[in-house]
């Protein structure tokens, strides 16, 4: 997975952290959780606030 695989990342995060309400996740935690995903293989430094926000919003959509 790459940073641009927003929906796939959001699905993986919802499965890895079912107890978490993504609305309240800090970007620092979100960044760490994404880079810790087993299938994630992109450069951790290539993220941005815009990408993290897109992941968070998609994760919120996945859980509602």
C-alpha atoms as a PDB file:
ATOM      1  CA  UNK A   1       0.000   0.000   0.000  1.00  0.00           C
ATOM      2  CA  UNK A   2       1.049   3.528  -0.758  1.00  0.00           C
ATOM      3  CA  UNK A   3      -0.102   6.799   0.801  1.00  0.00           C
ATOM      4  CA  UNK A   4      -2.410   7.265  -2.187  1.00  0.00           C
ATOM      5  CA  UNK A   5      -4.343   4.065  -1.368  1.00  0.00           C
ATOM      6  CA  UNK A   6      -6.602   6.041   0.954  1.00  0.00           C
ATOM      7  CA  UNK A   7      -9.637   3.735   0.956  1.00  0.00           C
ATOM      8  CA  UNK A   8      -7.567   0.579   1.402  1.00  0.00           C
ATOM      9  CA  UNK A   9      -5.654   2.191   4.279  1.00  0.00           C
ATOM     10  CA  UNK A  10      -8.909   3.308   5.920  1.00  0.00           C
ATOM     11  CA  UNK A  11     -10.332  -0.215   5.706  1.00  0.00           C
ATOM     12  CA  UNK A  12      -7.158  -1.711   7.169  1.00  0.00           C
ATOM     13  CA  UNK A  13      -7.175   0.822  10.005  1.00  0.00           C
ATOM     14  CA  UNK A  14     -10.815   0.139  10.833  1.00  0.00           C
ATOM     15  CA  UNK A  15      -9.998  -3.571  11.074  1.00  0.00           C
ATOM     16  CA  UNK A  16      -6.803  -3.011  13.067  1.00  0.00           C
ATOM     17  CA  UNK A  17      -8.359  -0.507  15.497  1.00  0.00           C
ATOM     18  CA  UNK A  18     -12.078  -1.340  15.810  1.00  0.00           C
ATOM     19  CA  UNK A  19     -12.315   0.304  19.232  1.00  0.00           C
ATOM     20  CA  UNK A  20     -11.110   3.688  17.961  1.00  0.00           C
ATOM     21  CA  UNK A  21     -13.383   6.531  16.878  1.00  0.00           C
ATOM     22  CA  UNK A  22     -11.411   7.915  13.911  1.00  0.00           C
ATOM     23  CA  UNK A  23     -12.928  11.356  14.407  1.00  0.00           C
ATOM     24  CA  UNK A  24     -10.708  11.844  17.464  1.00  0.00           C
ATOM     25  CA  UNK A  25      -7.445  10.382  16.170  1.00  0.00           C
ATOM     26  CA  UNK A  26      -4.450  12.719  16.191  1.00  0.00           C
ATOM     27  CA  UNK A  27      -2.488  12.903  12.954  1.00  0.00           C
ATOM     28  CA  UNK A  28       0.673  11.799  14.761  1.00  0.00           C
ATOM     29  CA  UNK A  29      -1.056   8.574  15.836  1.00  0.00           C
ATOM     30  CA  UNK A  30      -2.685   8.134  12.441  1.00  0.00           C
ATOM     31  CA  UNK A  31       0.669   8.465  10.696  1.00  0.00           C
ATOM     32  CA  UNK A  32       2.233   5.871  12.991  1.00  0.00           C
ATOM     33  CA  UNK A  33      -0.660   3.437  12.609  1.00  0.00           C
ATOM     34  CA  UNK A  34      -0.551   3.693   8.813  1.00  0.00           C
ATOM     35  CA  UNK A  35       3.182   3.053   8.680  1.00  0.00           C
ATOM     36  CA  UNK A  36       2.732   0.070  11.032  1.00  0.00           C
ATOM     37  CA  UNK A  37       0.208  -1.631   8.730  1.00  0.00           C
ATOM     38  CA  UNK A  38       1.606  -4.921   7.466  1.00  0.00           C
ATOM     39  CA  UNK A  39       0.946  -4.170   3.790  1.00  0.00           C
ATOM     40  CA  UNK A  40       2.170  -0.576   3.900  1.00  0.00           C
ATOM     41  CA  UNK A  41       5.367  -0.163   1.888  1.00  0.00           C
ATOM     42  CA  UNK A  42       5.710   3.534   1.076  1.00  0.00           C
ATOM     43  CA  UNK A  43       8.134   6.135   2.361  1.00  0.00           C
ATOM     44  CA  UNK A  44       6.861   7.367   5.757  1.00  0.00           C
ATOM     45  CA  UNK A  45       8.102  10.860   4.922  1.00  0.00           C
ATOM     46  CA  UNK A  46       5.854  11.141   1.854  1.00  0.00           C
ATOM     47  CA  UNK A  47       2.724  11.793   3.867  1.00  0.00           C
ATOM     48  CA  UNK A  48       1.160  15.189   4.330  1.00  0.00           C
ATOM     49  CA  UNK A  49      -1.614  16.714   6.367  1.00  0.00           C
ATOM     50  CA  UNK A  50      -3.845  16.552   3.289  1.00  0.00           C
ATOM     51  CA  UNK A  51      -3.250  12.804   2.866  1.00  0.00           C
ATOM     52  CA  UNK A  52      -3.766  12.096   6.566  1.00  0.00           C
ATOM     53  CA  UNK A  53      -6.983  14.106   6.538  1.00  0.00           C
ATOM     54  CA  UNK A  54      -8.239  12.141   3.510  1.00  0.00           C
ATOM     55  CA  UNK A  55      -7.438   8.867   5.279  1.00  0.00           C
ATOM     56  CA  UNK A  56      -9.191  10.027   8.434  1.00  0.00           C
ATOM     57  CA  UNK A  57     -12.313  11.170   6.566  1.00  0.00           C
ATOM     58  CA  UNK A  58     -12.488   7.906   4.621  1.00  0.00           C
ATOM     59  CA  UNK A  59     -12.038   5.937   7.838  1.00  0.00           C
ATOM     60  CA  UNK A  60     -14.928   7.896   9.373  1.00  0.00           C
ATOM     61  CA  UNK A  61     -17.049   7.034   6.314  1.00  0.00           C
ATOM     62  CA  UNK A  62     -16.101   3.358   6.660  1.00  0.00           C
ATOM     63  CA  UNK A  63     -17.259   3.225  10.269  1.00  0.00           C
ATOM     64  CA  UNK A  64     -20.591   4.983   9.811  1.00  0.00           C
END
